[in-house]
Amino acid sequence: MAIVPTNTDFCIHYSFDKVHNNPMRVFRSIADILESFSQVDKLLVTSIDEKIEPVIMIEDIEAGSIKVWIKSVLSSFDDDALKELDWKKQVGSYLVKAKYAILNFLEDKVSITDAMEVEAIEVKLLELARETEVLLLPCYTPVQKPALLETLADLSRASQSISEGDSVAYETLSGNATFNASFQFSAESVASLLTRESLTSNSVMILQVKKPDYLGDSKWEFRHGTRNFTAKITDEAWVRKFQSRQIDIRPGDALKVEAEAVVAYGHRGEVVGQTTTVLKVFEVVGAEVSPQIRLEI
């Protein structure tokens, strides 16, 4: 059982191979784990009140094998649904126990091949939420299966950043759990488990460019209406011209393209995922520049 310093909730204990030639791997892995924990907490609080906002803060770091002591800070934009008691302490304890339950659930798993496999952990998380007794009306909401699966995929990504020869433990007063670097579960696996049918359609669209891909081996970031998404451009001739600076993309510009959208639908007809691929780029649609800005330039 870990001895938890005052004002901390849990510890990420990273034991690393000191002869490894890439020391930065340790800090990248810890950052990935903390980022995934942030997403876990955002999912977990939805069982109590979506208005609660969890924030992870580092309280202390110990050397040797690295120990990062963490505290969860909570705020709520609307306390009307919460009892007049120390709800932050209760919810904070719930977040610690729930993360332990998730990691303990994953310790002996290699992957997830059936969405029903997570029902046991769904029940456990709801039970832990109810134990807080912080709501005026005991209407605790189960975490949604798609969101839970996506969170497990995020934890898998973080766990796989742990290098061979290293190990990471989650230490709390409720018990310790080890990150399972052998657990492999991707976002693509989530979509596959939840999908009943996929439909493909092609259309001509104008996409605002949020972030170009300058290297040519990853995806561009676009906005279409209020939706932000990433997409690969498979028009190799256009990409070569862009990377050789024959085509200029400025802030605010958009691309007129032919795009292929693949929409995945779940067993109840709900949309569970969508991927977009840019097949052809017709032209760059330049942002309008006001006369005043032109004069200043």
C-alpha atoms as a PDB file:
ATOM      1  CA  MET A   1       0.000   0.000   0.000  1.00  0.00           C
ATOM      2  CA  ALA A   2       1.404   3.348  -0.985  1.00  0.00           C
ATOM      3  CA  ILE A   3       2.002   6.102   1.583  1.00  0.00           C
ATOM      4  CA  VAL A   4       0.257   9.075  -0.014  1.00  0.00           C
ATOM      5  CA  PRO A   5       1.619  12.530   0.923  1.00  0.00           C
ATOM      6  CA  THR A   6      -0.808  15.146   2.218  1.00  0.00           C
ATOM      7  CA  ASN A   7      -2.962  16.887  -0.415  1.00  0.00           C
ATOM      8  CA  THR A   8      -2.403  14.223  -3.071  1.00  0.00           C
ATOM      9  CA  ASP A   9      -4.795  11.622  -4.451  1.00  0.00           C
ATOM     10  CA  PHE A  10      -2.595   9.123  -6.271  1.00  0.00           C
ATOM     11  CA  CYS A  11       0.856   8.483  -7.666  1.00  0.00           C
ATOM     12  CA  ILE A  12       2.216   7.496 -11.074  1.00  0.00           C
ATOM     13  CA  HIS A  13       5.260   5.368 -10.221  1.00  0.00           C
ATOM     14  CA  TYR A  14       7.509   4.967 -13.269  1.00  0.00           C
ATOM     15  CA  SER A  15      10.323   2.414 -12.837  1.00  0.00           C
ATOM     16  CA  PHE A  16      12.740   2.756 -15.742  1.00  0.00           C
ATOM     17  CA  ASP A  17      15.769   1.035 -17.203  1.00  0.00           C
ATOM     18  CA  LYS A  18      18.607   3.469 -16.446  1.00  0.00           C
ATOM     19  CA  VAL A  19      20.875   2.126 -19.187  1.00  0.00           C
ATOM     20  CA  HIS A  20      18.334   2.855 -21.922  1.00  0.00           C
ATOM     21  CA  ASN A  21      19.716   5.356 -24.451  1.00  0.00           C
ATOM     22  CA  ASN A  22      16.582   7.504 -24.725  1.00  0.00           C
ATOM     23  CA  PRO A  23      15.798   9.148 -21.358  1.00  0.00           C
ATOM     24  CA  MET A  24      13.155  11.434 -22.876  1.00  0.00           C
ATOM     25  CA  ARG A  25      10.912   8.376 -23.349  1.00  0.00           C
ATOM     26  CA  VAL A  26      10.121   8.431 -19.621  1.00  0.00           C
ATOM     27  CA  PHE A  27       8.729  11.963 -19.633  1.00  0.00           C
ATOM     28  CA  ARG A  28       6.830  11.437 -22.897  1.00  0.00           C
ATOM     29  CA  SER A  29       5.230   8.313 -21.444  1.00  0.00           C
ATOM     30  CA  ILE A  30       4.261  10.079 -18.207  1.00  0.00           C
ATOM     31  CA  ALA A  31       2.761  12.934 -20.236  1.00  0.00           C
ATOM     32  CA  ASP A  32       0.747  10.421 -22.315  1.00  0.00           C
ATOM     33  CA  ILE A  33      -0.524   8.715 -19.157  1.00  0.00           C
ATOM     34  CA  LEU A  34      -1.577  11.986 -17.509  1.00  0.00           C
ATOM     35  CA  GLU A  35      -3.312  13.093 -20.715  1.00  0.00           C
ATOM     36  CA  SER A  36      -5.228   9.810 -20.861  1.00  0.00           C
ATOM     37  CA  PHE A  37      -6.152  10.140 -17.167  1.00  0.00           C
ATOM     38  CA  SER A  38      -7.557  13.584 -17.895  1.00  0.00           C
ATOM     39  CA  GLN A  39      -9.857  12.038 -20.522  1.00  0.00           C
ATOM     40  CA  VAL A  40     -10.817   9.247 -18.103  1.00  0.00           C
ATOM     41  CA  ASP A  41     -11.843  11.771 -15.436  1.00  0.00           C
ATOM     42  CA  LYS A  42     -13.936  13.765 -17.903  1.00  0.00           C
ATOM     43  CA  LEU A  43     -15.805  10.567 -18.755  1.00  0.00           C
ATOM     44  CA  LEU A  44     -16.221   9.469 -15.136  1.00  0.00           C
ATOM     45  CA  VAL A  45     -17.771  12.711 -13.869  1.00  0.00           C
ATOM     46  CA  THR A  46     -20.601  12.363 -16.417  1.00  0.00           C
ATOM     47  CA  SER A  47     -22.025   9.650 -14.150  1.00  0.00           C
ATOM     48  CA  ILE A  48     -22.576  12.303 -11.469  1.00  0.00           C
ATOM     49  CA  ASP A  49     -22.938  15.705 -13.131  1.00  0.00           C
ATOM     50  CA  GLU A  50     -21.735  16.843 -16.566  1.00  0.00           C
ATOM     51  CA  LYS A  51     -21.179  20.344 -15.145  1.00  0.00           C
ATOM     52  CA  ILE A  52     -18.317  19.121 -12.953  1.00  0.00           C
ATOM     53  CA  GLU A  53     -14.931  19.942 -14.454  1.00  0.00           C
ATOM     54  CA  PRO A  54     -11.959  17.797 -13.323  1.00  0.00           C
ATOM     55  CA  VAL A  55      -8.381  19.074 -13.562  1.00  0.00           C
ATOM     56  CA  ILE A  56      -5.259  17.008 -12.846  1.00  0.00           C
ATOM     57  CA  MET A  57      -2.448  18.844 -11.048  1.00  0.00           C
ATOM     58  CA  ILE A  58       1.085  17.697 -10.166  1.00  0.00           C
ATOM     59  CA  GLU A  59       1.788  18.148  -6.442  1.00  0.00           C
ATOM     60  CA  ASP A  60       5.242  16.597  -6.141  1.00  0.00           C
ATOM     61  CA  ILE A  61       7.883  14.578  -8.030  1.00  0.00           C
ATOM     62  CA  GLU A  62      10.319  12.120  -6.450  1.00  0.00           C
ATOM     63  CA  ALA A  63      13.561  11.027  -8.108  1.00  0.00           C
ATOM     64  CA  GLY A  64      15.091   7.552  -8.377  1.00  0.00           C
ATOM     65  CA  SER A  65      12.396   5.680 -10.122  1.00  0.00           C
ATOM     66  CA  ILE A  66      10.140   8.625 -10.879  1.00  0.00           C
ATOM     67  CA  LYS A  67       7.081   9.140  -8.679  1.00  0.00           C
ATOM     68  CA  VAL A  68       4.642  11.838  -9.777  1.00  0.00           C
ATOM     69  CA  TRP A  69       2.115  12.652  -7.046  1.00  0.00           C
ATOM     70  CA  ILE A  70      -1.169  13.937  -8.435  1.00  0.00           C
ATOM     71  CA  LYS A  71      -4.159  15.826  -7.053  1.00  0.00           C
ATOM     72  CA  SER A  72      -7.530  16.136  -8.786  1.00  0.00           C
ATOM     73  CA  VAL A  73      -9.053  19.610  -8.614  1.00  0.00           C
ATOM     74  CA  LEU A  74     -12.805  19.848  -9.206  1.00  0.00           C
ATOM     75  CA  SER A  75     -15.177  22.684  -9.956  1.00  0.00           C
ATOM     76  CA  SER A  76     -18.841  22.856 -10.896  1.00  0.00           C
ATOM     77  CA  PHE A  77     -20.645  25.592 -12.819  1.00  0.00           C
ATOM     78  CA  ASP A  78     -23.932  24.696 -11.121  1.00  0.00           C
ATOM     79  CA  ASP A  79     -24.109  23.177  -7.620  1.00  0.00           C
ATOM     80  CA  ASP A  80     -27.917  22.958  -7.530  1.00  0.00           C
ATOM     81  CA  ALA A  81     -27.893  19.207  -8.158  1.00  0.00           C
ATOM     82  CA  LEU A  82     -25.315  18.552  -5.410  1.00  0.00           C
ATOM     83  CA  LYS A  83     -25.870  18.130  -1.696  1.00  0.00           C
ATOM     84  CA  GLU A  84     -24.516  20.723   0.708  1.00  0.00           C
ATOM     85  CA  LEU A  85     -21.549  18.675   1.834  1.00  0.00           C
ATOM     86  CA  ASP A  86     -17.911  18.248   0.876  1.00  0.00           C
ATOM     87  CA  TRP A  87     -18.843  16.854  -2.558  1.00  0.00           C
ATOM     88  CA  LYS A  88     -15.417  17.613  -4.006  1.00  0.00           C
ATOM     89  CA  LYS A  89     -13.778  15.217  -1.562  1.00  0.00           C
ATOM     90  CA  GLN A  90     -16.337  12.506  -2.343  1.00  0.00           C
ATOM     91  CA  VAL A  91     -16.080  12.910  -6.117  1.00  0.00           C
ATOM     92  CA  GLY A  92     -12.283  13.094  -5.945  1.00  0.00           C
ATOM     93  CA  SER A  93     -12.239   9.792  -4.070  1.00  0.00           C
ATOM     94  CA  TYR A  94     -14.565   8.314  -6.703  1.00  0.00           C
ATOM     95  CA  LEU A  95     -12.221   9.345  -9.533  1.00  0.00           C
ATOM     96  CA  VAL A  96      -9.261   7.703  -7.797  1.00  0.00           C
ATOM     97  CA  LYS A  97     -11.146   4.446  -7.137  1.00  0.00           C
ATOM     98  CA  ALA A  98     -12.670   4.371 -10.623  1.00  0.00           C
ATOM     99  CA  LYS A  99      -9.292   4.731 -12.365  1.00  0.00           C
ATOM    100  CA  TYR A 100      -7.970   1.908 -10.185  1.00  0.00           C
ATOM    101  CA  ALA A 101     -10.959  -0.247 -11.180  1.00  0.00           C
ATOM    102  CA  ILE A 102     -10.355   0.426 -14.896  1.00  0.00           C
ATOM    103  CA  LEU A 103      -6.627  -0.346 -14.736  1.00  0.00           C
ATOM    104  CA  ASN A 104      -7.310  -3.461 -12.655  1.00  0.00           C
ATOM    105  CA  PHE A 105      -9.867  -4.541 -15.277  1.00  0.00           C
ATOM    106  CA  LEU A 106      -7.247  -4.159 -18.044  1.00  0.00           C
ATOM    107  CA  GLU A 107      -4.323  -5.822 -16.229  1.00  0.00           C
ATOM    108  CA  ASP A 108      -4.839  -9.309 -17.722  1.00  0.00           C
ATOM    109  CA  LYS A 109      -6.294  -8.306 -21.091  1.00  0.00           C
ATOM    110  CA  VAL A 110      -4.545  -8.409 -24.451  1.00  0.00           C
ATOM    111  CA  SER A 111      -7.397  -6.664 -26.281  1.00  0.00           C
ATOM    112  CA  ILE A 112     -11.196  -6.337 -26.376  1.00  0.00           C
ATOM    113  CA  THR A 113     -12.970  -8.310 -29.080  1.00  0.00           C
ATOM    114  CA  ASP A 114     -16.586  -7.850 -27.979  1.00  0.00           C
ATOM    115  CA  ALA A 115     -18.226  -4.648 -26.757  1.00  0.00           C
ATOM    116  CA  MET A 116     -20.077  -6.699 -24.125  1.00  0.00           C
ATOM    117  CA  GLU A 117     -16.750  -7.413 -22.393  1.00  0.00           C
ATOM    118  CA  VAL A 118     -16.853  -3.990 -20.763  1.00  0.00           C
ATOM    119  CA  GLU A 119     -20.247  -4.478 -19.090  1.00  0.00           C
ATOM    120  CA  ALA A 120     -18.610  -5.614 -15.839  1.00  0.00           C
ATOM    121  CA  ILE A 121     -16.549  -2.441 -15.553  1.00  0.00           C
ATOM    122  CA  GLU A 122     -19.593  -0.328 -16.525  1.00  0.00           C
ATOM    123  CA  VAL A 123     -21.492  -1.803 -13.564  1.00  0.00           C
ATOM    124  CA  LYS A 124     -18.518  -1.241 -11.230  1.00  0.00           C
ATOM    125  CA  LEU A 125     -18.106   2.402 -12.248  1.00  0.00           C
ATOM    126  CA  LEU A 126     -21.809   3.107 -11.707  1.00  0.00           C
ATOM    127  CA  GLU A 127     -21.603   1.444  -8.290  1.00  0.00           C
ATOM    128  CA  LEU A 128     -18.657   3.674  -7.334  1.00  0.00           C
ATOM    129  CA  ALA A 129     -20.525   6.779  -8.541  1.00  0.00           C
ATOM    130  CA  ARG A 130     -23.537   5.872  -6.387  1.00  0.00           C
ATOM    131  CA  GLU A 131     -21.316   5.397  -3.340  1.00  0.00           C
ATOM    132  CA  THR A 132     -20.463   9.124  -3.400  1.00  0.00           C
ATOM    133  CA  GLU A 133     -24.083  10.009  -2.440  1.00  0.00           C
ATOM    134  CA  VAL A 134     -23.434  13.588  -3.553  1.00  0.00           C
ATOM    135  CA  LEU A 135     -26.583  14.131  -5.631  1.00  0.00           C
ATOM    136  CA  LEU A 136     -29.788  15.528  -4.154  1.00  0.00           C
ATOM    137  CA  LEU A 137     -31.662  13.102  -6.402  1.00  0.00           C
ATOM    138  CA  PRO A 138     -29.914   9.708  -6.697  1.00  0.00           C
ATOM    139  CA  CYS A 139     -29.926   9.751 -10.513  1.00  0.00           C
ATOM    140  CA  TYR A 140     -26.452   8.519 -11.358  1.00  0.00           C
ATOM    141  CA  THR A 141     -25.825   7.936 -15.055  1.00  0.00           C
ATOM    142  CA  PRO A 142     -23.934   4.925 -16.417  1.00  0.00           C
ATOM    143  CA  VAL A 143     -20.983   5.852 -18.623  1.00  0.00           C
ATOM    144  CA  GLN A 144     -21.840   5.426 -22.299  1.00  0.00           C
ATOM    145  CA  LYS A 145     -20.310   2.310 -23.857  1.00  0.00           C
ATOM    146  CA  PRO A 146     -18.874   4.103 -26.951  1.00  0.00           C
ATOM    147  CA  ALA A 147     -17.202   6.733 -24.758  1.00  0.00           C
ATOM    148  CA  LEU A 148     -15.869   4.063 -22.378  1.00  0.00           C
ATOM    149  CA  LEU A 149     -14.397   2.059 -25.269  1.00  0.00           C
ATOM    150  CA  GLU A 150     -12.768   5.201 -26.683  1.00  0.00           C
ATOM    151  CA  THR A 151     -11.284   5.912 -23.252  1.00  0.00           C
ATOM    152  CA  LEU A 152      -9.885   2.377 -23.047  1.00  0.00           C
ATOM    153  CA  ALA A 153      -8.325   2.894 -26.490  1.00  0.00           C
ATOM    154  CA  ASP A 154      -6.711   6.090 -25.211  1.00  0.00           C
ATOM    155  CA  LEU A 155      -5.339   4.241 -22.167  1.00  0.00           C
ATOM    156  CA  SER A 156      -3.992   1.554 -24.495  1.00  0.00           C
ATOM    157  CA  ARG A 157      -2.164   4.197 -26.533  1.00  0.00           C
ATOM    158  CA  ALA A 158      -0.648   5.658 -23.349  1.00  0.00           C
ATOM    159  CA  SER A 159       0.340   2.234 -21.988  1.00  0.00           C
ATOM    160  CA  GLN A 160       2.060   1.268 -25.229  1.00  0.00           C
ATOM    161  CA  SER A 161       4.321   4.313 -24.895  1.00  0.00           C
ATOM    162  CA  ILE A 162       5.997   2.520 -21.951  1.00  0.00           C
ATOM    163  CA  SER A 163       9.330   1.216 -23.223  1.00  0.00           C
ATOM    164  CA  GLU A 164      10.438  -2.395 -22.880  1.00  0.00           C
ATOM    165  CA  GLY A 165      12.218  -2.840 -19.561  1.00  0.00           C
ATOM    166  CA  ASP A 166      10.184  -0.060 -17.903  1.00  0.00           C
ATOM    167  CA  SER A 167       7.033  -0.424 -15.794  1.00  0.00           C
ATOM    168  CA  VAL A 168       4.412   1.982 -14.470  1.00  0.00           C
ATOM    169  CA  ALA A 169       2.169   1.558 -11.434  1.00  0.00           C
ATOM    170  CA  TYR A 170      -0.855   3.527 -10.272  1.00  0.00           C
ATOM    171  CA  GLU A 171      -0.563   3.816  -6.478  1.00  0.00           C
ATOM    172  CA  THR A 172      -3.439   4.863  -4.200  1.00  0.00           C
ATOM    173  CA  LEU A 173      -4.755   4.252  -0.698  1.00  0.00           C
ATOM    174  CA  SER A 174      -7.342   1.941  -2.312  1.00  0.00           C
ATOM    175  CA  GLY A 175      -4.645  -0.261  -3.853  1.00  0.00           C
ATOM    176  CA  ASN A 176      -2.111  -0.395  -6.654  1.00  0.00           C
ATOM    177  CA  ALA A 177      -2.586  -1.332 -10.299  1.00  0.00           C
ATOM    178  CA  THR A 178      -0.042  -1.829 -13.067  1.00  0.00           C
ATOM    179  CA  PHE A 179      -0.336  -0.340 -16.541  1.00  0.00           C
ATOM    180  CA  ASN A 180      -0.628  -3.210 -19.002  1.00  0.00           C
ATOM    181  CA  ALA A 181       1.666  -2.399 -21.936  1.00  0.00           C
ATOM    182  CA  SER A 182       0.479  -5.600 -23.659  1.00  0.00           C
ATOM    183  CA  PHE A 183      -3.100  -4.324 -23.954  1.00  0.00           C
ATOM    184  CA  GLN A 184      -3.661  -3.228 -27.560  1.00  0.00           C
ATOM    185  CA  PHE A 185      -6.938  -1.565 -28.414  1.00  0.00           C
ATOM    186  CA  SER A 186      -7.208   1.199 -31.015  1.00  0.00           C
ATOM    187  CA  ALA A 187      -9.799   3.767 -32.060  1.00  0.00           C
ATOM    188  CA  GLU A 188     -10.312   1.677 -35.209  1.00  0.00           C
ATOM    189  CA  SER A 189     -11.130  -1.322 -32.998  1.00  0.00           C
ATOM    190  CA  VAL A 190     -13.748   0.761 -31.172  1.00  0.00           C
ATOM    191  CA  ALA A 191     -15.478   1.669 -34.424  1.00  0.00           C
ATOM    192  CA  SER A 192     -15.375  -1.956 -35.576  1.00  0.00           C
ATOM    193  CA  LEU A 193     -17.005  -3.237 -32.376  1.00  0.00           C
ATOM    194  CA  LEU A 194     -19.791  -0.682 -32.464  1.00  0.00           C
ATOM    195  CA  THR A 195     -20.508  -0.710 -36.210  1.00  0.00           C
ATOM    196  CA  ARG A 196     -23.483  -2.472 -37.740  1.00  0.00           C
ATOM    197  CA  GLU A 197     -23.126  -0.930 -41.211  1.00  0.00           C
ATOM    198  CA  SER A 198     -20.909   1.571 -43.020  1.00  0.00           C
ATOM    199  CA  LEU A 199     -22.050   3.792 -45.888  1.00  0.00           C
ATOM    200  CA  THR A 200     -19.722   5.569 -48.313  1.00  0.00           C
ATOM    201  CA  SER A 201     -20.487   8.740 -50.268  1.00  0.00           C
ATOM    202  CA  ASN A 202     -18.494  11.161 -52.437  1.00  0.00           C
ATOM    203  CA  SER A 203     -19.137  14.880 -52.709  1.00  0.00           C
ATOM    204  CA  VAL A 204     -17.500  18.161 -53.692  1.00  0.00           C
ATOM    205  CA  MET A 205     -16.835  20.295 -50.617  1.00  0.00           C
ATOM    206  CA  ILE A 206     -15.034  23.443 -49.556  1.00  0.00           C
ATOM    207  CA  LEU A 207     -12.968  22.711 -46.455  1.00  0.00           C
ATOM    208  CA  GLN A 208     -11.331  25.388 -44.321  1.00  0.00           C
ATOM    209  CA  VAL A 209      -7.715  24.499 -43.559  1.00  0.00           C
ATOM    210  CA  LYS A 210      -6.918  24.488 -39.840  1.00  0.00           C
ATOM    211  CA  LYS A 211      -3.523  22.780 -40.041  1.00  0.00           C
ATOM    212  CA  PRO A 212      -1.705  21.539 -43.157  1.00  0.00           C
ATOM    213  CA  ASP A 213       0.453  18.411 -43.270  1.00  0.00           C
ATOM    214  CA  TYR A 214       3.890  19.614 -44.285  1.00  0.00           C
ATOM    215  CA  LEU A 215       5.580  16.203 -44.044  1.00  0.00           C
ATOM    216  CA  GLY A 216       3.188  14.247 -46.225  1.00  0.00           C
ATOM    217  CA  ASP A 217       2.849  11.265 -43.886  1.00  0.00           C
ATOM    218  CA  SER A 218      -0.023  12.361 -41.660  1.00  0.00           C
ATOM    219  CA  LYS A 219      -3.431  14.021 -41.913  1.00  0.00           C
ATOM    220  CA  TRP A 220      -4.581  17.590 -42.474  1.00  0.00           C
ATOM    221  CA  GLU A 221      -6.902  19.299 -40.012  1.00  0.00           C
ATOM    222  CA  PHE A 222     -10.047  20.825 -41.569  1.00  0.00           C
ATOM    223  CA  ARG A 223     -13.260  22.542 -40.573  1.00  0.00           C
ATOM    224  CA  HIS A 224     -16.541  22.139 -42.415  1.00  0.00           C
ATOM    225  CA  GLY A 225     -19.335  24.214 -40.876  1.00  0.00           C
ATOM    226  CA  THR A 226     -19.045  23.613 -37.118  1.00  0.00           C
ATOM    227  CA  ARG A 227     -17.316  20.226 -37.500  1.00  0.00           C
ATOM    228  CA  ASN A 228     -13.558  19.880 -37.081  1.00  0.00           C
ATOM    229  CA  PHE A 229     -11.885  16.731 -38.367  1.00  0.00           C
ATOM    230  CA  THR A 230      -8.685  15.274 -39.819  1.00  0.00           C
ATOM    231  CA  ALA A 231      -8.357  13.801 -43.309  1.00  0.00           C
ATOM    232  CA  LYS A 232      -5.668  12.312 -45.499  1.00  0.00           C
ATOM    233  CA  ILE A 233      -5.154  13.890 -48.939  1.00  0.00           C
ATOM    234  CA  THR A 234      -4.541  11.097 -51.465  1.00  0.00           C
ATOM    235  CA  ASP A 235      -4.145  13.452 -54.460  1.00  0.00           C
ATOM    236  CA  GLU A 236      -0.394  12.804 -54.713  1.00  0.00           C
ATOM    237  CA  ALA A 237       0.244  15.202 -57.606  1.00  0.00           C
ATOM    238  CA  TRP A 238      -1.298  18.093 -55.676  1.00  0.00           C
ATOM    239  CA  VAL A 239       0.520  17.152 -52.471  1.00  0.00           C
ATOM    240  CA  ARG A 240       3.870  17.155 -54.312  1.00  0.00           C
ATOM    241  CA  LYS A 241       3.163  20.654 -55.654  1.00  0.00           C
ATOM    242  CA  PHE A 242       2.231  21.859 -52.169  1.00  0.00           C
ATOM    243  CA  GLN A 243       5.357  20.397 -50.583  1.00  0.00           C
ATOM    244  CA  SER A 244       7.581  21.864 -53.310  1.00  0.00           C
ATOM    245  CA  ARG A 245       6.009  25.297 -52.572  1.00  0.00           C
ATOM    246  CA  GLN A 246       4.345  25.582 -55.975  1.00  0.00           C
ATOM    247  CA  ILE A 247       1.067  25.960 -54.064  1.00  0.00           C
ATOM    248  CA  ASP A 248       0.760  28.417 -51.189  1.00  0.00           C
ATOM    249  CA  ILE A 249      -1.669  27.922 -48.278  1.00  0.00           C
ATOM    250  CA  ARG A 250      -2.220  30.995 -46.096  1.00  0.00           C
ATOM    251  CA  PRO A 251      -4.123  31.328 -42.773  1.00  0.00           C
ATOM    252  CA  GLY A 252      -7.849  31.414 -43.480  1.00  0.00           C
ATOM    253  CA  ASP A 253      -7.580  29.624 -46.831  1.00  0.00           C
ATOM    254  CA  ALA A 254      -9.792  26.705 -47.836  1.00  0.00           C
ATOM    255  CA  LEU A 255      -9.618  23.867 -50.346  1.00  0.00           C
ATOM    256  CA  LYS A 256     -12.266  22.945 -52.878  1.00  0.00           C
ATOM    257  CA  VAL A 257     -12.072  19.156 -53.010  1.00  0.00           C
ATOM    258  CA  GLU A 258     -13.715  15.891 -53.889  1.00  0.00           C
ATOM    259  CA  ALA A 259     -14.053  14.044 -50.591  1.00  0.00           C
ATOM    260  CA  GLU A 260     -15.052  10.512 -49.683  1.00  0.00           C
ATOM    261  CA  ALA A 261     -16.933  10.114 -46.391  1.00  0.00           C
ATOM    262  CA  VAL A 262     -17.388   6.751 -44.697  1.00  0.00           C
ATOM    263  CA  VAL A 263     -20.027   6.896 -41.968  1.00  0.00           C
ATOM    264  CA  ALA A 264     -20.312   4.011 -39.512  1.00  0.00           C
ATOM    265  CA  TYR A 265     -23.723   3.310 -37.960  1.00  0.00           C
ATOM    266  CA  GLY A 266     -24.338   1.368 -34.755  1.00  0.00           C
ATOM    267  CA  HIS A 267     -26.869  -1.342 -34.048  1.00  0.00           C
ATOM    268  CA  ARG A 268     -29.543   1.242 -33.208  1.00  0.00           C
ATOM    269  CA  GLY A 269     -28.905   3.364 -36.291  1.00  0.00           C
ATOM    270  CA  GLU A 270     -26.790   5.910 -34.438  1.00  0.00           C
ATOM    271  CA  VAL A 271     -23.611   7.368 -35.953  1.00  0.00           C
ATOM    272  CA  VAL A 272     -20.610   5.801 -34.191  1.00  0.00           C
ATOM    273  CA  GLY A 273     -17.849   7.143 -36.392  1.00  0.00           C
ATOM    274  CA  GLN A 274     -16.965   9.007 -39.563  1.00  0.00           C
ATOM    275  CA  THR A 275     -13.782   9.179 -41.603  1.00  0.00           C
ATOM    276  CA  THR A 276     -13.089  11.521 -44.498  1.00  0.00           C
ATOM    277  CA  THR A 277     -10.515  11.182 -47.278  1.00  0.00           C
ATOM    278  CA  VAL A 278      -9.700  13.960 -49.762  1.00  0.00           C
ATOM    279  CA  LEU A 279      -9.464  12.248 -53.153  1.00  0.00           C
ATOM    280  CA  LYS A 280      -8.778  15.315 -55.318  1.00  0.00           C
ATOM    281  CA  VAL A 281      -7.995  18.969 -54.711  1.00  0.00           C
ATOM    282  CA  PHE A 282      -9.452  21.321 -57.344  1.00  0.00           C
ATOM    283  CA  GLU A 283      -8.258  24.694 -56.076  1.00  0.00           C
ATOM    284  CA  VAL A 284      -7.247  26.822 -53.127  1.00  0.00           C
ATOM    285  CA  VAL A 285     -10.012  29.184 -52.034  1.00  0.00           C
ATOM    286  CA  GLY A 286      -8.202  32.224 -50.646  1.00  0.00           C
ATOM    287  CA  ALA A 287      -9.485  34.161 -47.656  1.00  0.00           C
ATOM    288  CA  GLU A 288     -10.689  37.681 -48.350  1.00  0.00           C
ATOM    289  CA  VAL A 289      -8.195  40.338 -47.248  1.00  0.00           C
ATOM    290  CA  SER A 290      -9.553  43.776 -46.432  1.00  0.00           C
ATOM    291  CA  PRO A 291      -8.053  46.867 -48.200  1.00  0.00           C
ATOM    292  CA  GLN A 292      -6.837  48.155 -44.814  1.00  0.00           C
ATOM    293  CA  ILE A 293      -4.877  44.972 -44.151  1.00  0.00           C
ATOM    294  CA  ARG A 294      -3.411  45.072 -47.671  1.00  0.00           C
ATOM    295  CA  LEU A 295      -2.290  48.658 -47.044  1.00  0.00           C
ATOM    296  CA  GLU A 296      -0.642  47.722 -43.727  1.00  0.00           C
ATOM    297  CA  ILE A 297       1.171  44.824 -45.398  1.00  0.00           C
END
